[in-house]
N, C-alpha and C. Protein backbone atom coordinates (compact mmCIF):
# COMPACT_ATOMS: atom_id res chain seq x y z
N MET A 1 -14.44 1.63 8.56
CA MET A 1 -14.41 2.99 8.10
C MET A 1 -13.04 3.29 7.49
N ILE A 2 -13.04 3.95 6.35
CA ILE A 2 -11.82 4.33 5.65
C ILE A 2 -11.62 5.83 5.80
N SER A 3 -10.39 6.23 6.09
CA SER A 3 -10.09 7.66 6.20
C SER A 3 -8.62 7.90 5.88
N GLU A 4 -8.29 9.19 5.70
CA GLU A 4 -6.89 9.55 5.52
C GLU A 4 -6.20 9.44 6.88
N ALA A 5 -4.98 8.96 6.87
CA ALA A 5 -4.22 8.82 8.12
C ALA A 5 -3.84 10.19 8.66
N LYS A 6 -3.71 10.23 9.97
CA LYS A 6 -3.22 11.41 10.67
C LYS A 6 -1.86 11.06 11.28
N PHE A 7 -1.09 12.09 11.62
CA PHE A 7 0.21 11.84 12.24
C PHE A 7 0.07 10.97 13.49
N SER A 8 -1.01 11.16 14.22
CA SER A 8 -1.22 10.40 15.45
C SER A 8 -1.49 8.91 15.18
N ASP A 9 -1.74 8.54 13.91
CA ASP A 9 -1.96 7.13 13.55
C ASP A 9 -0.66 6.37 13.34
N ILE A 10 0.45 7.07 13.23
CA ILE A 10 1.71 6.42 12.86
C ILE A 10 2.13 5.33 13.86
N PRO A 11 1.97 5.49 15.17
CA PRO A 11 2.33 4.37 16.06
C PRO A 11 1.54 3.09 15.75
N ARG A 12 0.24 3.21 15.47
CA ARG A 12 -0.55 2.02 15.14
C ARG A 12 -0.13 1.46 13.77
N LEU A 13 0.15 2.34 12.82
CA LEU A 13 0.63 1.87 11.52
C LEU A 13 1.94 1.11 11.67
N SER A 14 2.79 1.59 12.57
CA SER A 14 4.07 0.91 12.82
C SER A 14 3.85 -0.48 13.40
N GLU A 15 2.87 -0.61 14.29
CA GLU A 15 2.53 -1.93 14.84
C GLU A 15 2.07 -2.87 13.73
N LEU A 16 1.22 -2.36 12.85
CA LEU A 16 0.74 -3.19 11.75
C LEU A 16 1.87 -3.55 10.79
N MET A 17 2.79 -2.61 10.57
CA MET A 17 3.92 -2.90 9.69
C MET A 17 4.79 -4.00 10.30
N LYS A 18 5.00 -3.95 11.61
CA LYS A 18 5.76 -5.01 12.28
C LYS A 18 5.05 -6.36 12.13
N GLU A 19 3.73 -6.34 12.23
CA GLU A 19 2.94 -7.57 12.04
C GLU A 19 3.10 -8.09 10.62
N LEU A 20 2.98 -7.18 9.65
CA LEU A 20 3.17 -7.57 8.25
C LEU A 20 4.56 -8.16 8.04
N HIS A 21 5.56 -7.48 8.55
CA HIS A 21 6.93 -7.94 8.39
C HIS A 21 7.14 -9.33 9.02
N SER A 22 6.58 -9.54 10.19
CA SER A 22 6.76 -10.83 10.87
C SER A 22 6.12 -11.98 10.10
N ARG A 23 5.14 -11.68 9.26
CA ARG A 23 4.44 -12.70 8.47
C ARG A 23 5.09 -12.92 7.11
N SER A 24 6.04 -12.07 6.74
CA SER A 24 6.60 -12.15 5.39
C SER A 24 7.79 -13.12 5.34
N ARG A 25 8.13 -13.49 4.15
CA ARG A 25 9.29 -14.35 3.96
C ARG A 25 10.59 -13.61 4.25
N TYR A 26 10.50 -12.28 4.44
CA TYR A 26 11.67 -11.47 4.74
C TYR A 26 11.80 -11.18 6.23
N SER A 27 11.07 -11.89 7.03
CA SER A 27 11.06 -11.61 8.47
C SER A 27 12.41 -11.80 9.14
N HIS A 28 13.30 -12.56 8.52
CA HIS A 28 14.62 -12.77 9.12
C HIS A 28 15.54 -11.56 8.91
N TYR A 29 15.11 -10.59 8.08
CA TYR A 29 15.86 -9.35 7.91
C TYR A 29 15.34 -8.31 8.89
N GLN A 30 16.24 -7.51 9.40
CA GLN A 30 15.85 -6.47 10.35
C GLN A 30 15.08 -5.37 9.61
N MET A 31 13.93 -5.00 10.17
CA MET A 31 13.15 -3.92 9.60
C MET A 31 13.58 -2.60 10.22
N GLN A 32 13.66 -1.58 9.41
CA GLN A 32 14.04 -0.25 9.88
C GLN A 32 12.76 0.54 10.12
N ILE A 33 12.21 0.40 11.32
CA ILE A 33 10.92 1.01 11.63
C ILE A 33 10.97 2.53 11.54
N LYS A 34 12.12 3.13 11.83
CA LYS A 34 12.22 4.59 11.71
C LYS A 34 12.02 5.01 10.26
N ARG A 35 12.53 4.26 9.32
CA ARG A 35 12.33 4.58 7.90
C ARG A 35 10.86 4.44 7.53
N PHE A 36 10.18 3.46 8.11
CA PHE A 36 8.75 3.32 7.85
C PHE A 36 7.99 4.52 8.40
N LYS A 37 8.33 4.93 9.62
CA LYS A 37 7.67 6.11 10.21
C LYS A 37 7.94 7.36 9.37
N ASP A 38 9.17 7.50 8.89
CA ASP A 38 9.51 8.64 8.04
C ASP A 38 8.70 8.60 6.73
N LEU A 39 8.53 7.41 6.18
CA LEU A 39 7.72 7.25 4.97
C LEU A 39 6.28 7.69 5.25
N CYS A 40 5.75 7.29 6.38
CA CYS A 40 4.39 7.69 6.75
C CYS A 40 4.29 9.21 6.88
N LEU A 41 5.25 9.80 7.60
CA LEU A 41 5.26 11.25 7.77
C LEU A 41 5.29 11.96 6.43
N HIS A 42 6.20 11.56 5.58
CA HIS A 42 6.35 12.19 4.26
C HIS A 42 5.08 12.00 3.43
N SER A 43 4.52 10.80 3.45
CA SER A 43 3.35 10.51 2.62
C SER A 43 2.12 11.27 3.09
N ILE A 44 1.97 11.44 4.39
CA ILE A 44 0.85 12.21 4.92
C ILE A 44 1.03 13.70 4.60
N ARG A 45 2.25 14.17 4.72
CA ARG A 45 2.56 15.60 4.59
C ARG A 45 2.58 16.07 3.14
N SER A 46 3.11 15.27 2.24
CA SER A 46 3.33 15.73 0.87
C SER A 46 2.09 15.49 0.01
N GLY A 47 2.00 16.20 -1.08
CA GLY A 47 0.95 15.95 -2.05
C GLY A 47 1.33 14.84 -3.00
N ASN A 48 2.52 14.30 -2.83
CA ASN A 48 3.04 13.26 -3.71
C ASN A 48 2.78 11.86 -3.18
N GLY A 49 2.20 11.78 -1.99
CA GLY A 49 1.92 10.49 -1.39
C GLY A 49 0.62 10.54 -0.61
N CYS A 50 0.17 9.38 -0.18
CA CYS A 50 -1.05 9.29 0.59
C CYS A 50 -0.96 8.10 1.54
N VAL A 51 -1.71 8.18 2.62
CA VAL A 51 -1.86 7.06 3.54
C VAL A 51 -3.33 6.99 3.91
N PHE A 52 -3.94 5.85 3.63
CA PHE A 52 -5.33 5.61 4.01
C PHE A 52 -5.35 4.49 5.04
N VAL A 53 -6.27 4.60 5.98
CA VAL A 53 -6.40 3.58 7.02
C VAL A 53 -7.82 3.04 7.03
N GLY A 54 -7.92 1.78 7.44
CA GLY A 54 -9.20 1.13 7.63
C GLY A 54 -9.37 0.78 9.09
N GLU A 55 -10.49 1.18 9.66
CA GLU A 55 -10.74 0.94 11.08
C GLU A 55 -11.85 -0.10 11.26
N VAL A 56 -11.67 -0.91 12.28
CA VAL A 56 -12.67 -1.85 12.73
C VAL A 56 -12.90 -1.57 14.21
N ASP A 57 -14.12 -1.24 14.57
CA ASP A 57 -14.46 -0.91 15.97
C ASP A 57 -13.50 0.13 16.54
N GLY A 58 -13.16 1.13 15.73
CA GLY A 58 -12.32 2.23 16.19
C GLY A 58 -10.84 1.95 16.24
N VAL A 59 -10.41 0.78 15.78
CA VAL A 59 -8.99 0.41 15.78
C VAL A 59 -8.52 0.24 14.34
N ILE A 60 -7.40 0.88 14.00
CA ILE A 60 -6.85 0.75 12.65
C ILE A 60 -6.35 -0.69 12.47
N GLU A 61 -6.89 -1.36 11.44
CA GLU A 61 -6.50 -2.74 11.16
C GLU A 61 -6.00 -2.92 9.73
N GLY A 62 -5.98 -1.85 8.95
CA GLY A 62 -5.48 -1.94 7.58
C GLY A 62 -4.98 -0.59 7.12
N PHE A 63 -4.10 -0.62 6.14
CA PHE A 63 -3.59 0.62 5.59
C PHE A 63 -3.09 0.43 4.17
N LEU A 64 -3.07 1.55 3.45
CA LEU A 64 -2.48 1.59 2.12
C LEU A 64 -1.67 2.88 2.04
N ILE A 65 -0.41 2.73 1.67
CA ILE A 65 0.47 3.87 1.44
C ILE A 65 0.74 3.91 -0.06
N GLY A 66 0.49 5.07 -0.66
CA GLY A 66 0.69 5.21 -2.09
C GLY A 66 1.55 6.41 -2.42
N MET A 67 1.99 6.46 -3.65
CA MET A 67 2.83 7.57 -4.10
C MET A 67 2.61 7.81 -5.59
N VAL A 68 3.11 8.94 -6.04
CA VAL A 68 3.06 9.31 -7.46
C VAL A 68 4.49 9.50 -7.92
N ASP A 69 4.77 9.06 -9.13
CA ASP A 69 6.09 9.24 -9.73
C ASP A 69 5.92 9.44 -11.23
N ASP A 70 6.98 9.90 -11.87
CA ASP A 70 6.96 10.04 -13.33
C ASP A 70 6.80 8.65 -13.95
N LEU A 71 5.99 8.58 -14.98
CA LEU A 71 5.76 7.32 -15.67
C LEU A 71 7.09 6.77 -16.18
N TYR A 72 7.39 5.56 -15.81
CA TYR A 72 8.67 4.91 -16.12
C TYR A 72 9.87 5.74 -15.67
N HIS A 73 9.63 6.61 -14.71
CA HIS A 73 10.66 7.44 -14.08
C HIS A 73 11.29 8.48 -15.00
N VAL A 74 10.89 8.53 -16.27
CA VAL A 74 11.50 9.48 -17.20
C VAL A 74 10.50 10.21 -18.08
N LEU A 75 9.22 9.86 -18.01
CA LEU A 75 8.21 10.51 -18.85
C LEU A 75 7.44 11.53 -18.02
N GLN A 76 6.95 12.55 -18.66
CA GLN A 76 6.27 13.62 -17.94
C GLN A 76 4.95 13.19 -17.29
N PRO A 77 4.12 12.40 -17.97
CA PRO A 77 2.91 11.97 -17.25
C PRO A 77 3.30 11.18 -16.00
N LYS A 78 2.39 11.06 -15.09
CA LYS A 78 2.67 10.41 -13.82
C LYS A 78 1.83 9.14 -13.66
N TYR A 79 2.27 8.29 -12.77
CA TYR A 79 1.48 7.13 -12.37
C TYR A 79 1.43 7.11 -10.85
N ALA A 80 0.39 6.48 -10.34
CA ALA A 80 0.23 6.30 -8.90
C ALA A 80 0.37 4.82 -8.62
N THR A 81 1.04 4.51 -7.52
CA THR A 81 1.24 3.11 -7.16
C THR A 81 1.21 2.95 -5.65
N ASP A 82 0.93 1.74 -5.23
CA ASP A 82 0.97 1.45 -3.80
C ASP A 82 2.40 1.06 -3.41
N ILE A 83 2.75 1.43 -2.19
CA ILE A 83 4.04 1.02 -1.63
C ILE A 83 3.80 -0.12 -0.65
N PHE A 84 2.85 0.07 0.24
CA PHE A 84 2.42 -0.97 1.17
C PHE A 84 0.91 -1.01 1.19
N PHE A 85 0.37 -2.22 1.21
CA PHE A 85 -1.07 -2.43 1.32
C PHE A 85 -1.23 -3.65 2.22
N TYR A 86 -1.82 -3.44 3.38
CA TYR A 86 -1.96 -4.54 4.35
C TYR A 86 -3.26 -4.39 5.11
N VAL A 87 -3.93 -5.51 5.28
CA VAL A 87 -5.13 -5.58 6.11
C VAL A 87 -4.94 -6.79 7.02
N SER A 88 -5.05 -6.57 8.32
CA SER A 88 -4.83 -7.65 9.28
C SER A 88 -5.94 -8.69 9.17
N ASP A 89 -5.69 -9.84 9.75
CA ASP A 89 -6.70 -10.90 9.76
C ASP A 89 -7.94 -10.50 10.57
N ARG A 90 -7.79 -9.47 11.42
CA ARG A 90 -8.92 -9.00 12.23
C ARG A 90 -9.87 -8.12 11.43
N ASP A 91 -9.48 -7.80 10.21
CA ASP A 91 -10.25 -6.88 9.37
C ASP A 91 -10.65 -7.59 8.08
N GLN A 92 -11.92 -7.84 7.94
CA GLN A 92 -12.41 -8.53 6.74
C GLN A 92 -13.14 -7.59 5.80
N THR A 93 -13.11 -6.27 6.08
CA THR A 93 -13.95 -5.36 5.31
C THR A 93 -13.23 -4.19 4.66
N SER A 94 -12.03 -3.84 5.07
CA SER A 94 -11.41 -2.59 4.63
C SER A 94 -10.70 -2.67 3.29
N ALA A 95 -10.33 -3.83 2.83
CA ALA A 95 -9.47 -3.94 1.64
C ALA A 95 -10.05 -3.19 0.44
N THR A 96 -11.28 -3.46 0.08
CA THR A 96 -11.84 -2.81 -1.10
C THR A 96 -12.00 -1.30 -0.89
N GLY A 97 -12.35 -0.90 0.32
CA GLY A 97 -12.47 0.53 0.61
C GLY A 97 -11.14 1.25 0.53
N LEU A 98 -10.07 0.60 0.95
CA LEU A 98 -8.73 1.20 0.83
C LEU A 98 -8.36 1.39 -0.63
N ILE A 99 -8.67 0.40 -1.45
CA ILE A 99 -8.39 0.52 -2.89
C ILE A 99 -9.21 1.66 -3.49
N ASP A 100 -10.49 1.72 -3.14
CA ASP A 100 -11.34 2.80 -3.66
C ASP A 100 -10.81 4.17 -3.26
N ALA A 101 -10.40 4.32 -2.01
CA ALA A 101 -9.88 5.61 -1.54
C ALA A 101 -8.61 5.97 -2.31
N PHE A 102 -7.74 5.00 -2.53
CA PHE A 102 -6.50 5.25 -3.28
C PHE A 102 -6.80 5.66 -4.72
N VAL A 103 -7.70 4.95 -5.36
CA VAL A 103 -8.06 5.27 -6.75
C VAL A 103 -8.64 6.67 -6.82
N ASN A 104 -9.55 7.00 -5.91
CA ASN A 104 -10.15 8.34 -5.90
C ASN A 104 -9.08 9.41 -5.70
N TRP A 105 -8.13 9.15 -4.80
CA TRP A 105 -7.04 10.10 -4.57
C TRP A 105 -6.21 10.27 -5.84
N ALA A 106 -5.81 9.14 -6.44
CA ALA A 106 -4.94 9.17 -7.62
C ALA A 106 -5.60 9.89 -8.80
N GLU A 107 -6.90 9.70 -8.95
CA GLU A 107 -7.61 10.35 -10.05
C GLU A 107 -7.64 11.86 -9.91
N GLN A 108 -7.42 12.37 -8.71
CA GLN A 108 -7.42 13.81 -8.47
C GLN A 108 -6.03 14.44 -8.63
N VAL A 109 -5.00 13.63 -8.72
CA VAL A 109 -3.63 14.15 -8.83
C VAL A 109 -3.38 14.54 -10.28
N PRO A 110 -3.01 15.82 -10.53
CA PRO A 110 -2.76 16.25 -11.92
C PRO A 110 -1.69 15.39 -12.60
N ASP A 111 -1.90 15.14 -13.86
CA ASP A 111 -0.97 14.41 -14.73
C ASP A 111 -0.91 12.91 -14.49
N VAL A 112 -1.66 12.35 -13.53
CA VAL A 112 -1.66 10.89 -13.36
C VAL A 112 -2.48 10.27 -14.48
N VAL A 113 -1.83 9.37 -15.23
CA VAL A 113 -2.49 8.71 -16.35
C VAL A 113 -2.62 7.20 -16.14
N SER A 114 -2.05 6.70 -15.04
CA SER A 114 -2.06 5.26 -14.78
C SER A 114 -2.02 5.02 -13.28
N ILE A 115 -2.77 4.02 -12.86
CA ILE A 115 -2.73 3.57 -11.46
C ILE A 115 -2.27 2.12 -11.48
N ARG A 116 -1.21 1.83 -10.75
CA ARG A 116 -0.64 0.48 -10.73
C ARG A 116 -0.65 -0.04 -9.30
N LEU A 117 -1.14 -1.24 -9.14
CA LEU A 117 -1.14 -1.90 -7.84
C LEU A 117 -0.36 -3.20 -7.95
N GLY A 118 0.41 -3.49 -6.91
CA GLY A 118 1.20 -4.71 -6.91
C GLY A 118 0.60 -5.77 -6.00
N ALA A 119 0.90 -6.99 -6.30
CA ALA A 119 0.50 -8.11 -5.46
C ALA A 119 1.61 -9.15 -5.52
N THR A 120 2.15 -9.50 -4.36
CA THR A 120 3.23 -10.49 -4.32
C THR A 120 2.84 -11.63 -3.40
N ASP A 121 3.69 -12.62 -3.36
CA ASP A 121 3.48 -13.72 -2.42
C ASP A 121 4.46 -13.64 -1.26
N ALA A 122 4.89 -12.42 -0.93
CA ALA A 122 5.83 -12.25 0.18
C ALA A 122 5.21 -12.67 1.51
N VAL A 123 3.91 -12.53 1.66
CA VAL A 123 3.24 -12.94 2.89
C VAL A 123 2.46 -14.23 2.66
N LYS A 124 1.62 -14.23 1.67
CA LYS A 124 0.88 -15.43 1.28
C LYS A 124 0.55 -15.27 -0.20
N THR A 125 -0.17 -16.17 -0.74
CA THR A 125 -0.46 -16.09 -2.17
C THR A 125 -1.16 -14.78 -2.51
N TYR A 126 -0.88 -14.29 -3.68
CA TYR A 126 -1.47 -13.03 -4.14
C TYR A 126 -2.78 -13.24 -4.88
N LYS A 127 -3.24 -14.45 -5.05
CA LYS A 127 -4.40 -14.75 -5.89
C LYS A 127 -5.67 -14.05 -5.41
N ARG A 128 -5.88 -13.99 -4.11
CA ARG A 128 -7.08 -13.33 -3.58
C ARG A 128 -7.03 -11.83 -3.88
N THR A 129 -5.86 -11.24 -3.70
CA THR A 129 -5.67 -9.82 -4.00
C THR A 129 -5.86 -9.58 -5.49
N GLU A 130 -5.32 -10.45 -6.31
CA GLU A 130 -5.47 -10.32 -7.76
C GLU A 130 -6.94 -10.31 -8.16
N LYS A 131 -7.73 -11.19 -7.59
CA LYS A 131 -9.17 -11.23 -7.90
C LYS A 131 -9.86 -9.93 -7.52
N MET A 132 -9.47 -9.35 -6.38
CA MET A 132 -10.06 -8.09 -5.95
C MET A 132 -9.69 -6.99 -6.93
N TYR A 133 -8.43 -6.93 -7.36
CA TYR A 133 -8.00 -5.90 -8.31
C TYR A 133 -8.80 -6.02 -9.62
N ILE A 134 -8.99 -7.22 -10.09
CA ILE A 134 -9.75 -7.44 -11.33
C ILE A 134 -11.20 -6.97 -11.15
N ARG A 135 -11.80 -7.30 -10.01
CA ARG A 135 -13.17 -6.83 -9.72
C ARG A 135 -13.25 -5.31 -9.71
N LYS A 136 -12.16 -4.66 -9.33
CA LYS A 136 -12.11 -3.20 -9.27
C LYS A 136 -11.75 -2.57 -10.61
N GLY A 137 -11.61 -3.37 -11.67
CA GLY A 137 -11.37 -2.84 -13.00
C GLY A 137 -9.92 -2.77 -13.43
N PHE A 138 -9.02 -3.32 -12.64
CA PHE A 138 -7.62 -3.35 -13.02
C PHE A 138 -7.36 -4.53 -13.95
N VAL A 139 -6.41 -4.37 -14.85
CA VAL A 139 -6.02 -5.45 -15.75
C VAL A 139 -4.54 -5.74 -15.56
N GLN A 140 -4.16 -6.95 -15.82
CA GLN A 140 -2.75 -7.33 -15.69
C GLN A 140 -1.94 -6.59 -16.73
N GLU A 141 -0.88 -5.95 -16.28
CA GLU A 141 -0.04 -5.16 -17.17
C GLU A 141 1.17 -5.95 -17.67
N GLY A 142 1.59 -6.89 -16.93
CA GLY A 142 2.78 -7.68 -17.25
C GLY A 142 3.01 -8.64 -16.11
N VAL A 143 4.23 -8.99 -15.89
CA VAL A 143 4.57 -9.86 -14.77
C VAL A 143 5.91 -9.42 -14.21
N MET A 144 6.13 -9.76 -12.97
CA MET A 144 7.42 -9.51 -12.33
C MET A 144 8.04 -10.88 -12.06
N TYR A 145 9.33 -10.95 -12.21
CA TYR A 145 10.07 -12.17 -11.89
C TYR A 145 11.08 -11.85 -10.83
N GLU A 146 11.32 -12.80 -9.95
CA GLU A 146 12.24 -12.59 -8.87
C GLU A 146 13.24 -13.74 -8.82
N LYS A 147 14.46 -13.41 -8.58
CA LYS A 147 15.49 -14.39 -8.28
C LYS A 147 16.01 -14.02 -6.90
N ARG A 148 15.77 -14.88 -5.94
CA ARG A 148 16.18 -14.60 -4.57
C ARG A 148 17.64 -14.96 -4.37
N ILE A 149 18.29 -14.13 -3.63
CA ILE A 149 19.68 -14.36 -3.24
C ILE A 149 19.67 -14.60 -1.74
N GLU A 150 19.95 -15.79 -1.33
CA GLU A 150 19.93 -16.11 0.10
C GLU A 150 21.21 -15.62 0.74
N ARG A 151 21.06 -14.81 1.77
CA ARG A 151 22.21 -14.29 2.50
C ARG A 151 22.02 -14.52 3.97
């Protein structure tokens, strides 16, 4: 089941974020869980962000946090993008529903002319996510390149 997150969901979202972080290539960096909780609070509270959750047997096992910003940060039209999108291995059904909920939300926000979703290999390959985005009607807009600095 997909629904909008409530403030009372933030502890479970924090657990899932810790799980996501522990699986990422950035796990050796300390995560600031208070900042994540603040992001959840702000996104639930403001009209500029959203948090959707996916439940399996009454337990939240996936989430998508999204936001709206000015297109290219300087143009008046807006775009919607995901900040975090994670579905645990215990959840094999919520991913597409989370995307649908986000798209529906973004389409209702005035001045949004573009919806952008990211996929990285920070946790594992992004190829499966990419295929899902394409099935949902998204097209590749460009590419991102990364140069890692080991510290």
